[in-house]
PDB file of N, CA and C in Angstrom:
ATOM      1  N   MET A   1      20.187  21.868 -20.358  1.00  0.00           N
ATOM      2  CA  MET A   1      19.056  21.477 -20.919  1.00  0.00           C
ATOM      3  C   MET A   1      17.761  22.398 -20.041  1.00  0.00           C
ATOM      4  N   HIS A   2      17.078  23.192 -20.990  1.00  0.00           N
ATOM      5  CA  HIS A   2      15.854  24.007 -20.195  1.00  0.00           C
ATOM      6  C   HIS A   2      14.480  23.576 -20.456  1.00  0.00           C
ATOM      7  N   LEU A   3      13.925  23.347 -19.499  1.00  0.00           N
ATOM      8  CA  LEU A   3      12.497  23.018 -19.268  1.00  0.00           C
ATOM      9  C   LEU A   3      11.422  24.296 -19.533  1.00  0.00           C
ATOM     10  N   PRO A   4      10.901  24.112 -20.362  1.00  0.00           N
ATOM     11  CA  PRO A   4       9.473  25.336 -20.450  1.00  0.00           C
ATOM     12  C   PRO A   4       8.890  25.236 -18.872  1.00  0.00           C
ATOM     13  N   LYS A   5       8.433  26.327 -18.910  1.00  0.00           N
ATOM     14  CA  LYS A   5       7.819  26.729 -17.633  1.00  0.00           C
ATOM     15  C   LYS A   5       6.486  26.555 -17.884  1.00  0.00           C
ATOM     16  N   ASN A   6       5.637  25.941 -17.159  1.00  0.00           N
ATOM     17  CA  ASN A   6       4.126  26.086 -17.494  1.00  0.00           C
ATOM     18  C   ASN A   6       3.477  26.400 -15.990  1.00  0.00           C
ATOM     19  N   SER A   7       2.439  27.075 -16.087  1.00  0.00           N
ATOM     20  CA  SER A   7       1.718  27.376 -14.811  1.00  0.00           C
ATOM     21  C   SER A   7       1.793  26.274 -13.839  1.00  0.00           C
ATOM     22  N   ASN A   8       1.422  25.288 -14.193  1.00  0.00           N
ATOM     23  CA  ASN A   8       1.216  24.115 -13.140  1.00  0.00           C
ATOM     24  C   ASN A   8       2.433  23.754 -12.409  1.00  0.00           C
ATOM     25  N   THR A   9       3.772  24.116 -13.077  1.00  0.00           N
ATOM     26  CA  THR A   9       4.858  23.590 -12.354  1.00  0.00           C
ATOM     27  C   THR A   9       5.318  24.887 -11.646  1.00  0.00           C
ATOM     28  N   ALA A  10       5.367  25.963 -11.897  1.00  0.00           N
ATOM     29  CA  ALA A  10       5.288  27.359 -11.359  1.00  0.00           C
ATOM     30  C   ALA A  10       4.373  27.431  -9.788  1.00  0.00           C
ATOM     31  N   THR A  11       3.423  26.929 -10.030  1.00  0.00           N
ATOM     32  CA  THR A  11       2.457  27.249  -8.886  1.00  0.00           C
ATOM     33  C   THR A  11       2.841  26.139  -7.738  1.00  0.00           C
ATOM     34  N   LEU A  12       3.349  24.643  -8.197  1.00  0.00           N
ATOM     35  CA  LEU A  12       3.683  23.504  -7.442  1.00  0.00           C
ATOM     36  C   LEU A  12       4.889  23.926  -6.799  1.00  0.00           C
ATOM     37  N   THR A  13       5.787  24.394  -7.661  1.00  0.00           N
ATOM     38  CA  THR A  13       7.263  24.921  -7.014  1.00  0.00           C
ATOM     39  C   THR A  13       6.851  26.073  -5.928  1.00  0.00           C
ATOM     40  N   ALA A  14       6.300  27.014  -6.158  1.00  0.00           N
ATOM     41  CA  ALA A  14       6.017  28.018  -4.961  1.00  0.00           C
ATOM     42  C   ALA A  14       5.155  27.469  -4.000  1.00  0.00           C
ATOM     43  N   ARG A  15       4.418  26.632  -4.102  1.00  0.00           N
ATOM     44  CA  ARG A  15       3.680  25.912  -2.973  1.00  0.00           C
ATOM     45  C   ARG A  15       4.522  25.271  -2.272  1.00  0.00           C
ATOM     46  N   THR A  16       5.730  24.431  -2.661  1.00  0.00           N
ATOM     47  CA  THR A  16       6.421  23.738  -2.164  1.00  0.00           C
ATOM     48  C   THR A  16       7.218  24.270  -1.253  1.00  0.00           C
ATOM     49  N   VAL A  17       7.964  25.561  -1.933  1.00  0.00           N
ATOM     50  CA  VAL A  17       8.881  26.492  -1.101  1.00  0.00           C
ATOM     51  C   VAL A  17       8.183  26.923   0.080  1.00  0.00           C
ATOM     52  N   THR A  18       6.816  27.634  -0.212  1.00  0.00           N
ATOM     53  CA  THR A  18       6.120  28.313   1.064  1.00  0.00           C
ATOM     54  C   THR A  18       5.844  27.177   2.059  1.00  0.00           C
ATOM     55  N   THR A  19       5.398  25.700   1.582  1.00  0.00           N
ATOM     56  CA  THR A  19       5.131  24.891   2.814  1.00  0.00           C
ATOM     57  C   THR A  19       6.619  24.366   3.539  1.00  0.00           C
ATOM     58  N   THR A  20       7.631  24.368   2.608  1.00  0.00           N
ATOM     59  CA  THR A  20       9.105  24.204   3.482  1.00  0.00           C
ATOM     60  C   THR A  20       9.379  25.046   4.316  1.00  0.00           C
ATOM     61  N   GLU A  21       9.326  26.464   3.743  1.00  0.00           N
ATOM     62  CA  GLU A  21       9.763  27.685   4.529  1.00  0.00           C
ATOM     63  C   GLU A  21       8.633  27.725   6.083  1.00  0.00           C
ATOM     64  N   TYR A  22       7.563  27.538   5.654  1.00  0.00           N
ATOM     65  CA  TYR A  22       6.582  27.579   6.816  1.00  0.00           C
ATOM     66  C   TYR A  22       7.096  26.312   8.052  1.00  0.00           C
ATOM     67  N   ALA A  23       7.461  25.279   7.516  1.00  0.00           N
ATOM     68  CA  ALA A  23       7.523  23.989   8.075  1.00  0.00           C
ATOM     69  C   ALA A  23       9.145  24.151   9.034  1.00  0.00           C
ATOM     70  N   LEU A  24       9.979  24.998   8.280  1.00  0.00           N
ATOM     71  CA  LEU A  24      11.350  25.548   8.952  1.00  0.00           C
ATOM     72  C   LEU A  24      10.994  26.452   9.975  1.00  0.00           C
ATOM     73  N   LYS A  25      10.381  27.603   9.867  1.00  0.00           N
ATOM     74  CA  LYS A  25       9.934  28.505  10.503  1.00  0.00           C
ATOM     75  C   LYS A  25       9.368  27.830  12.190  1.00  0.00           C
ATOM     76  N   ASN A  26       8.160  26.897  11.824  1.00  0.00           N
ATOM     77  CA  ASN A  26       7.997  26.141  12.983  1.00  0.00           C
ATOM     78  C   ASN A  26       8.856  25.461  13.802  1.00  0.00           C
ATOM     79  N   SER A  27       9.753  24.754  13.125  1.00  0.00           N
ATOM     80  CA  SER A  27      10.456  24.065  13.675  1.00  0.00           C
ATOM     81  C   SER A  27      11.390  24.898  14.600  1.00  0.00           C
ATOM     82  N   LEU A  28      11.989  25.641  13.900  1.00  0.00           N
ATOM     83  CA  LEU A  28      13.055  26.644  14.526  1.00  0.00           C
ATOM     84  C   LEU A  28      12.204  27.388  15.748  1.00  0.00           C
ATOM     85  N   SER A  29      11.041  27.763  15.511  1.00  0.00           N
ATOM     86  CA  SER A  29      10.354  28.602  16.652  1.00  0.00           C
ATOM     87  C   SER A  29      10.199  27.486  17.916  1.00  0.00           C
ATOM     88  N   GLY A  30       9.487  26.323  17.519  1.00  0.00           N
ATOM     89  CA  GLY A  30       9.549  25.496  18.713  1.00  0.00           C
ATOM     90  C   GLY A  30      11.013  25.115  19.190  1.00  0.00           C
ATOM     91  N   LEU A  31      12.119  24.975  18.436  1.00  0.00           N
ATOM     92  CA  LEU A  31      13.390  24.627  19.042  1.00  0.00           C
ATOM     93  C   LEU A  31      13.916  25.885  19.894  1.00  0.00           C
ATOM     94  N   LEU A  32      13.606  27.046  19.483  1.00  0.00           N
ATOM     95  CA  LEU A  32      14.323  28.107  20.328  1.00  0.00           C
ATOM     96  C   LEU A  32      13.240  28.304  21.815  1.00  0.00           C
ATOM     97  N   GLN A  33      11.739  28.320  21.411  1.00  0.00           N
ATOM     98  CA  GLN A  33      10.923  28.031  22.705  1.00  0.00           C
ATOM     99  C   GLN A  33      11.749  26.975  23.931  1.00  0.00           C
ATOM    100  N   ARG A  34      11.969  25.852  23.464  1.00  0.00           N
ATOM    101  CA  ARG A  34      12.661  24.863  24.319  1.00  0.00           C
ATOM    102  C   ARG A  34      13.770  25.427  24.737  1.00  0.00           C
ATOM    103  N   PHE A  35      14.349  25.921  23.771  1.00  0.00           N
ATOM    104  CA  PHE A  35      15.664  26.401  24.282  1.00  0.00           C
ATOM    105  C   PHE A  35      16.015  27.555  25.231  1.00  0.00           C
ATOM    106  N   ALA A  36      14.902  28.583  24.904  1.00  0.00           N
ATOM    107  CA  ALA A  36      14.956  29.494  26.239  1.00  0.00           C
ATOM    108  C   ALA A  36      14.610  29.141  27.215  1.00  0.00           C
ATOM    109  N   THR A  37      13.386  28.156  27.401  1.00  0.00           N
ATOM    110  CA  THR A  37      13.006  27.814  28.516  1.00  0.00           C
ATOM    111  C   THR A  37      13.800  26.864  29.550  1.00  0.00           C
ATOM    112  N   HIS A  38      14.776  26.434  28.780  1.00  0.00           N
ATOM    113  CA  HIS A  38      15.673  25.521  29.454  1.00  0.00           C
ATOM    114  C   HIS A  38      16.850  26.295  30.091  1.00  0.00           C
ATOM    115  N   LEU A  39      17.299  27.519  29.627  1.00  0.00           N
ATOM    116  CA  LEU A  39      18.338  28.426  29.791  1.00  0.00           C
ATOM    117  C   LEU A  39      17.974  28.991  31.117  1.00  0.00           C
ATOM    118  N   ILE A  40      18.838  28.505  32.166  1.00  0.00           N
ATOM    119  CA  ILE A  40      18.642  29.567  33.663  1.00  0.00           C
ATOM    120  C   ILE A  40      20.130  29.771  33.569  1.00  0.00           C
ATOM    121  N   GLU A  41      20.258  31.024  34.064  1.00  0.00           N
ATOM    122  CA  GLU A  41      21.687  31.932  34.148  1.00  0.00           C
ATOM    123  C   GLU A  41      22.162  31.299  35.353  1.00  0.00           C
ATOM    124  N   SER A  42      23.748  30.830  35.272  1.00  0.00           N
ATOM    125  CA  SER A  42      24.459  30.234  36.218  1.00  0.00           C
ATOM    126  C   SER A  42      24.615  31.471  37.327  1.00  0.00           C
ATOM    127  N   PRO A  43      24.720  30.924  38.509  1.00  0.00           N
ATOM    128  CA  PRO A  43      24.668  32.151  39.605  1.00  0.00           C
ATOM    129  C   PRO A  43      26.237  32.351  40.079  1.00  0.00           C
ATOM    130  N   CYS A  44      27.281  31.765  39.076  1.00  0.00           N
ATOM    131  CA  CYS A  44      28.737  32.188  39.065  1.00  0.00           C
ATOM    132  C   CYS A  44      28.663  33.738  39.106  1.00  0.00           C
ATOM    133  N   ILE A  45      29.499  34.217  39.950  1.00  0.00           N
ATOM    134  CA  ILE A  45      29.756  35.745  39.822  1.00  0.00           C
ATOM    135  C   ILE A  45      31.284  36.001  39.577  1.00  0.00           C
ATOM    136  N   ALA A  46      32.018  34.869  39.272  1.00  0.00           N
ATOM    137  CA  ALA A  46      33.293  35.129  38.934  1.00  0.00           C
ATOM    138  C   ALA A  46      34.332  35.276  40.000  1.00  0.00           C
ATOM    139  N   VAL A  47      34.041  35.114  41.245  1.00  0.00           N
ATOM    140  CA  VAL A  47      34.500  34.969  42.298  1.00  0.00           C
ATOM    141  C   VAL A  47      34.966  33.603  42.927  1.00  0.00           C
ATOM    142  N   CYS A  48      35.783  32.866  42.176  1.00  0.00           N
ATOM    143  CA  CYS A  48      35.626  31.350  42.527  1.00  0.00           C
ATOM    144  C   CYS A  48      37.010  31.026  43.435  1.00  0.00           C
ATOM    145  N   LYS A  49      36.452  30.615  44.586  1.00  0.00           N
ATOM    146  CA  LYS A  49      37.379  30.342  45.698  1.00  0.00           C
ATOM    147  C   LYS A  49      36.650  29.545  46.491  1.00  0.00           C
ATOM    148  N   LEU A  50      37.087  28.345  47.020  1.00  0.00           N
ATOM    149  CA  LEU A  50      36.604  27.392  48.066  1.00  0.00           C
ATOM    150  C   LEU A  50      36.588  27.948  49.100  1.00  0.00           C
ATOM    151  N   ASP A  51      35.508  27.712  50.031  1.00  0.00           N
ATOM    152  CA  ASP A  51      35.696  27.913  51.473  1.00  0.00           C
ATOM    153  C   ASP A  51      36.650  27.426  52.137  1.00  0.00           C
ATOM    154  N   SER A  52      37.070  27.409  53.443  1.00  0.00           N
ATOM    155  CA  SER A  52      38.040  26.573  54.456  1.00  0.00           C
ATOM    156  C   SER A  52      37.768  25.415  54.524  1.00  0.00           C
ATOM    157  N   ALA A  53      36.616  25.051  54.375  1.00  0.00           N
ATOM    158  CA  ALA A  53      36.242  23.487  54.494  1.00  0.00           C
ATOM    159  C   ALA A  53      36.000  22.945  53.220  1.00  0.00           C
ATOM    160  N   ARG A  54      36.288  23.693  52.164  1.00  0.00           N
ATOM    161  CA  ARG A  54      36.390  23.111  50.764  1.00  0.00           C
ATOM    162  C   ARG A  54      35.100  22.690  50.497  1.00  0.00           C
ATOM    163  N   THR A  55      34.054  22.996  50.829  1.00  0.00           N
ATOM    164  CA  THR A  55      32.647  22.646  50.441  1.00  0.00           C
ATOM    165  C   THR A  55      31.769  23.432  49.484  1.00  0.00           C
ATOM    166  N   HIS A  56      32.229  24.611  49.397  1.00  0.00           N
ATOM    167  CA  HIS A  56      31.392  25.343  48.291  1.00  0.00           C
ATOM    168  C   HIS A  56      32.186  26.719  47.838  1.00  0.00           C
ATOM    169  N   CYS A  57      31.857  27.340  46.968  1.00  0.00           N
ATOM    170  CA  CYS A  57      32.560  28.333  46.487  1.00  0.00           C
ATOM    171  C   CYS A  57      31.994  29.518  47.340  1.00  0.00           C
ATOM    172  N   THR A  58      33.009  30.462  47.405  1.00  0.00           N
ATOM    173  CA  THR A  58      32.436  31.873  48.527  1.00  0.00           C
ATOM    174  C   THR A  58      32.109  32.760  47.795  1.00  0.00           C
ATOM    175  N   GLY A  59      31.970  32.790  46.428  1.00  0.00           N
ATOM    176  CA  GLY A  59      31.318  33.539  45.385  1.00  0.00           C
ATOM    177  C   GLY A  59      29.963  33.194  45.212  1.00  0.00           C
ATOM    178  N   CYS A  60      29.463  32.179  44.755  1.00  0.00           N
ATOM    179  CA  CYS A  60      28.209  31.625  44.407  1.00  0.00           C
ATOM    180  C   CYS A  60      27.466  30.682  45.109  1.00  0.00           C
ATOM    181  N   PHE A  61      28.373  30.446  46.274  1.00  0.00           N
ATOM    182  CA  PHE A  61      28.066  29.330  47.213  1.00  0.00           C
ATOM    183  C   PHE A  61      27.328  28.150  46.775  1.00  0.00           C
ATOM    184  N   ARG A  62      27.902  27.640  45.652  1.00  0.00           N
ATOM    185  CA  ARG A  62      27.320  26.204  45.126  1.00  0.00           C
ATOM    186  C   ARG A  62      28.594  25.442  45.513  1.00  0.00           C
ATOM    187  N   THR A  63      28.247  24.147  45.508  1.00  0.00           N
ATOM    188  CA  THR A  63      29.170  22.996  45.983  1.00  0.00           C
ATOM    189  C   THR A  63      30.192  22.705  44.375  1.00  0.00           C
ATOM    190  N   VAL A  64      31.209  22.224  44.945  1.00  0.00           N
ATOM    191  CA  VAL A  64      31.892  21.904  43.642  1.00  0.00           C
ATOM    192  C   VAL A  64      30.967  20.759  42.891  1.00  0.00           C
ATOM    193  N   GLY A  65      30.135  19.718  43.237  1.00  0.00           N
ATOM    194  CA  GLY A  65      29.550  18.871  42.337  1.00  0.00           C
ATOM    195  C   GLY A  65      28.252  19.697  41.836  1.00  0.00           C
ATOM    196  N   GLU A  66      27.730  20.849  42.307  1.00  0.00           N
ATOM    197  CA  GLU A  66      26.906  21.727  41.825  1.00  0.00           C
ATOM    198  C   GLU A  66      27.214  22.442  40.521  1.00  0.00           C
ATOM    199  N   ILE A  67      28.470  23.171  40.701  1.00  0.00           N
ATOM    200  CA  ILE A  67      29.159  23.679  39.882  1.00  0.00           C
ATOM    201  C   ILE A  67      29.763  22.724  38.712  1.00  0.00           C
ATOM    202  N   GLU A  68      30.224  21.652  38.834  1.00  0.00           N
ATOM    203  CA  GLU A  68      30.637  20.698  37.971  1.00  0.00           C
ATOM    204  C   GLU A  68      29.230  20.170  36.851  1.00  0.00           C
ATOM    205  N   GLY A  69      28.013  20.024  37.706  1.00  0.00           N
ATOM    206  CA  GLY A  69      26.708  19.466  37.209  1.00  0.00           C
ATOM    207  C   GLY A  69      26.107  20.397  36.378  1.00  0.00           C
ATOM    208  N   TRP A  70      26.341  22.031  36.814  1.00  0.00           N
ATOM    209  CA  TRP A  70      25.269  23.021  36.125  1.00  0.00           C
ATOM    210  C   TRP A  70      25.209  22.712  34.676  1.00  0.00           C
ATOM    211  N   PRO A  71      25.804  22.216  33.819  1.00  0.00           N
ATOM    212  CA  PRO A  71      25.648  22.484  32.596  1.00  0.00           C
ATOM    213  C   PRO A  71      24.552  21.098  32.283  1.00  0.00           C
ATOM    214  N   ALA A  72      24.596  20.070  32.563  1.00  0.00           N
ATOM    215  CA  ALA A  72      23.621  18.994  32.627  1.00  0.00           C
ATOM    216  C   ALA A  72      22.382  18.643  33.481  1.00  0.00           C
ATOM    217  N   PHE A  73      22.438  19.692  34.363  1.00  0.00           N
ATOM    218  CA  PHE A  73      21.098  19.987  35.385  1.00  0.00           C
ATOM    219  C   PHE A  73      19.921  19.977  34.475  1.00  0.00           C
ATOM    220  N   SER A  74      18.597  19.661  34.880  1.00  0.00           N
ATOM    221  CA  SER A  74      17.662  20.127  34.683  1.00  0.00           C
ATOM    222  C   SER A  74      17.336  21.497  34.883  1.00  0.00           C
ATOM    223  N   ARG A  75      15.881  21.990  34.480  1.00  0.00           N
ATOM    224  CA  ARG A  75      15.179  23.559  35.040  1.00  0.00           C
ATOM    225  C   ARG A  75      15.573  23.048  36.598  1.00  0.00           C
ATOM    226  N   GLU A  76      14.336  22.024  36.824  1.00  0.00           N
ATOM    227  CA  GLU A  76      14.425  21.914  38.287  1.00  0.00           C
ATOM    228  C   GLU A  76      15.495  21.680  39.455  1.00  0.00           C
ATOM    229  N   GLN A  77      16.472  21.175  38.760  1.00  0.00           N
ATOM    230  CA  GLN A  77      17.780  20.853  39.304  1.00  0.00           C
ATOM    231  C   GLN A  77      18.319  22.303  39.514  1.00  0.00           C
ATOM    232  N   LYS A  78      18.385  23.073  38.496  1.00  0.00           N
ATOM    233  CA  LYS A  78      19.125  24.226  38.508  1.00  0.00           C
ATOM    234  C   LYS A  78      18.441  25.110  39.603  1.00  0.00           C
ATOM    235  N   TYR A  79      16.944  25.021  39.818  1.00  0.00           N
ATOM    236  CA  TYR A  79      16.422  26.105  40.508  1.00  0.00           C
ATOM    237  C   TYR A  79      16.561  25.715  42.074  1.00  0.00           C
ATOM    238  N   ARG A  80      16.893  24.306  42.096  1.00  0.00           N
ATOM    239  CA  ARG A  80      17.265  23.749  43.561  1.00  0.00           C
ATOM    240  C   ARG A  80      18.588  24.116  43.840  1.00  0.00           C
ATOM    241  N   VAL A  81      19.594  24.171  42.867  1.00  0.00           N
ATOM    242  CA  VAL A  81      20.859  24.494  43.343  1.00  0.00           C
ATOM    243  C   VAL A  81      20.846  25.892  43.769  1.00  0.00           C
ATOM    244  N   ILE A  82      20.296  27.141  42.861  1.00  0.00           N
ATOM    245  CA  ILE A  82      19.991  28.247  43.238  1.00  0.00           C
ATOM    246  C   ILE A  82      19.478  28.267  44.610  1.00  0.00           C
ATOM    247  N   SER A  83      18.510  27.596  44.920  1.00  0.00           N
ATOM    248  CA  SER A  83      17.885  27.796  46.054  1.00  0.00           C
ATOM    249  C   SER A  83      18.821  27.337  47.405  1.00  0.00           C
ATOM    250  N   ASP A  84      19.284  26.138  47.451  1.00  0.00           N
ATOM    251  CA  ASP A  84      20.338  25.706  48.360  1.00  0.00           C
ATOM    252  C   ASP A  84      21.542  26.989  48.493  1.00  0.00           C
ATOM    253  N   ALA A  85      22.138  27.218  47.146  1.00  0.00           N
ATOM    254  CA  ALA A  85      23.145  28.242  47.273  1.00  0.00           C
ATOM    255  C   ALA A  85      22.649  29.708  48.173  1.00  0.00           C
ATOM    256  N   ALA A  86      21.607  29.955  47.932  1.00  0.00           N
ATOM    257  CA  ALA A  86      20.938  30.991  48.639  1.00  0.00           C
ATOM    258  C   ALA A  86      20.950  30.678  50.134  1.00  0.00           C
ATOM    259  N   ALA A  87      20.603  29.611  50.430  1.00  0.00           N
ATOM    260  CA  ALA A  87      20.336  29.254  51.693  1.00  0.00           C
ATOM    261  C   ALA A  87      22.084  29.478  52.684  1.00  0.00           C
ATOM    262  N   ARG A  88      22.820  28.794  51.748  1.00  0.00           N
ATOM    263  CA  ARG A  88      24.331  28.694  52.272  1.00  0.00           C
ATOM    264  C   ARG A  88      24.777  30.100  52.654  1.00  0.00           C
ATOM    265  N   LYS A  89      24.228  30.851  51.267  1.00  0.00           N
ATOM    266  CA  LYS A  89      24.952  32.359  51.317  1.00  0.00           C
ATOM    267  C   LYS A  89      24.445  33.288  52.744  1.00  0.00           C
ATOM    268  N   LEU A  90      22.975  32.652  52.871  1.00  0.00           N
ATOM    269  CA  LEU A  90      22.273  33.424  54.056  1.00  0.00           C
ATOM    270  C   LEU A  90      22.658  32.863  55.594  1.00  0.00           C
ATOM    271  N   ALA A  91      23.287  31.594  55.460  1.00  0.00           N
ATOM    272  CA  ALA A  91      23.726  31.032  56.584  1.00  0.00           C
ATOM    273  C   ALA A  91      24.906  31.552  57.058  1.00  0.00           C
ATOM    274  N   ALA A  92      25.881  31.641  56.027  1.00  0.00           N
ATOM    275  CA  ALA A  92      27.110  32.313  56.011  1.00  0.00           C
ATOM    276  C   ALA A  92      27.464  33.922  56.661  1.00  0.00           C
ATOM    277  N   THR A  93      26.266  34.504  56.057  1.00  0.00           N
ATOM    278  CA  THR A  93      26.263  35.976  56.294  1.00  0.00           C
ATOM    279  C   THR A  93      25.801  35.959  58.039  1.00  0.00           C
ATOM    280  N   GLN A  94      24.714  35.359  57.969  1.00  0.00           N
ATOM    281  CA  GLN A  94      24.430  35.280  59.687  1.00  0.00           C
ATOM    282  C   GLN A  94      25.409  34.813  60.783  1.00  0.00           C
ATOM    283  N   GLN A  95      26.312  34.239  60.334  1.00  0.00           N
ATOM    284  CA  GLN A  95      27.486  33.604  61.142  1.00  0.00           C
ATOM    285  C   GLN A  95      28.530  34.668  61.450  1.00  0.00           C
ATOM    286  N   LYS A  96      28.392  35.827  60.592  1.00  0.00           N
ATOM    287  CA  LYS A  96      29.639  36.564  60.752  1.00  0.00           C
ATOM    288  C   LYS A  96      29.161  37.786  61.737  1.00  0.00           C
TER     289      LYS A  96
END
């Protein structure tokens, strides 16, 4: 079945598509911004080996719990882990 096109239908359809595209772009943009602000690169350097006391990795200086929990941690938690790992690394290098 072929419906005749009239100017009102064409205008309404174009307006609906434009509005839908605009809403989709805004939705994706917001999602990408939230995703980008949540991403914090893992401090892992692919030298995965526990220290002799088995408390932390000698590569990234994170504890086993910090390594396991990393994907689920909030931004604040991740920054805290990075800070704590840096302190462990500094302490380890000062002991040598």
